[in-house]
Protein backbone atom coordinates (compact mmCIF):
# COMPACT_ATOMS: atom_id res chain seq x y z
CA MET A 1 -50.62 -11.34 -14.84
CA GLY A 2 -47.88 -8.89 -14.91
CA TYR A 3 -45.42 -8.57 -12.61
CA ASP A 4 -44.17 -5.23 -10.87
CA VAL A 5 -40.54 -4.66 -10.97
CA GLN A 6 -39.43 -1.87 -9.08
CA VAL A 7 -35.91 -1.10 -9.52
CA ASN A 8 -34.27 1.56 -6.56
CA LEU A 9 -31.82 3.35 -8.20
CA LEU A 10 -30.43 5.16 -5.04
CA VAL A 11 -28.27 1.70 -4.28
CA PRO A 12 -24.63 2.98 -4.32
CA LEU A 13 -22.61 0.75 -6.43
CA ILE A 14 -19.87 0.84 -3.63
CA THR A 15 -20.43 1.74 0.02
CA TRP A 16 -18.34 5.02 1.29
CA PRO A 17 -16.23 2.21 4.05
CA VAL A 18 -15.34 0.20 0.89
CA LEU A 19 -14.27 3.38 -1.39
CA SER A 20 -12.13 4.61 1.70
CA VAL A 21 -9.91 1.73 1.91
CA SER A 22 -9.56 1.20 -1.96
CA ILE A 23 -8.33 4.69 -2.23
CA GLY A 24 -5.97 3.99 0.92
CA LEU A 25 -5.01 0.47 -1.09
CA VAL A 26 -4.19 2.52 -3.87
CA ILE A 27 -2.06 5.48 -2.12
CA THR A 28 -0.18 2.59 -0.10
CA SER A 29 0.47 0.42 -3.37
CA VAL A 30 2.36 3.08 -5.10
CA ILE A 31 4.24 4.30 -1.89
CA LEU A 32 5.70 0.70 -1.23
CA ALA A 33 6.56 0.22 -4.85
CA LEU A 34 8.38 3.66 -4.65
CA PHE A 35 10.18 2.70 -1.28
CA ILE A 36 11.12 -0.96 -2.52
CA LEU A 37 12.69 0.72 -5.68
CA LEU A 38 14.81 3.02 -3.49
CA HIS A 39 16.23 -0.29 -1.55
CA LYS A 40 20.16 -0.81 -2.47
CA GLY A 41 20.64 -4.31 -3.80
CA LYS A 42 23.52 -5.98 -4.78
CA GLY A 43 25.20 -3.57 -7.44
CA GLY A 44 23.29 -0.46 -5.71
CA GLY A 45 20.15 1.04 -6.50
CA MET A 46 17.77 3.72 -6.90
CA SER A 47 18.87 4.87 -3.75
CA ASP A 48 22.38 5.82 -4.62
CA LEU A 49 20.63 8.60 -6.42
CA PHE A 50 19.29 9.83 -3.44
CA GLY A 51 22.32 9.84 -1.16
CA GLY A 52 21.27 6.48 0.19
CA GLY A 53 24.53 4.69 -0.93
CA MET A 54 26.84 6.13 1.40
CA SER A 55 27.40 3.54 3.80
CA THR A 56 30.30 3.23 6.11
CA ALA A 57 33.76 1.48 5.22
CA MET A 58 33.21 -1.24 7.37
CA GLY A 59 30.26 -2.53 5.25
CA GLY A 60 27.56 -1.76 7.78
CA THR A 61 24.24 -0.28 7.09
CA SER A 62 23.73 3.55 7.19
CA VAL A 63 21.33 5.09 9.42
CA ALA A 64 19.11 6.11 5.92
CA GLU A 65 19.05 2.57 5.00
CA ARG A 66 17.56 1.30 8.27
CA ASN A 67 15.11 3.97 8.42
CA LEU A 68 14.06 3.06 4.90
CA ASP A 69 13.69 -0.31 5.69
CA ARG A 70 11.38 0.93 8.83
CA ILE A 71 9.38 3.12 6.76
CA THR A 72 8.82 -0.12 4.09
CA ILE A 73 7.77 -2.36 6.78
CA ILE A 74 5.19 0.31 8.43
CA VAL A 75 3.82 0.75 4.69
CA GLY A 76 3.65 -2.93 4.37
CA SER A 77 1.66 -3.29 7.37
CA LEU A 78 -0.67 -0.54 6.01
CA TRP A 79 -0.68 -2.34 2.97
CA LEU A 80 -1.62 -5.61 4.27
CA ALA A 81 -4.33 -4.18 6.57
CA CYS A 82 -5.88 -2.78 3.91
CA ILE A 83 -6.12 -5.95 2.25
CA VAL A 84 -7.50 -7.58 5.01
CA ALA A 85 -9.80 -4.78 5.47
CA LEU A 86 -11.13 -5.30 2.13
CA LEU A 87 -11.54 -8.97 2.36
CA ILE A 88 -13.69 -8.73 5.60
CA MET A 89 -15.77 -5.82 3.96
CA TYR A 90 -16.45 -7.76 0.83
CA ARG A 91 -17.17 -11.02 3.14
CA PHE A 92 -19.62 -9.58 5.42
CA GLY A 93 -21.56 -7.46 2.37
CA VAL A 94 -20.30 -3.76 4.21
């Protein structure tokens, strides 16, 4: 009357696509947090430490600030893509 239970110990706990996207998510999270901290706020910010606070006297933004904005948007888009990819992978069992 006993039941034979076979346990397969070779089944990975996490698949390589999920692992690689998760690593990408961690890396982009750290980079995104650093780029956000580099932005200049109302009273200046950490960007002043690295020369980002040198803007024109007319009140416009500097080239460095615009480039930082562009890079932050790109990294934020990659971060969002990693989250959506993980959602799809977990939803469909990849």
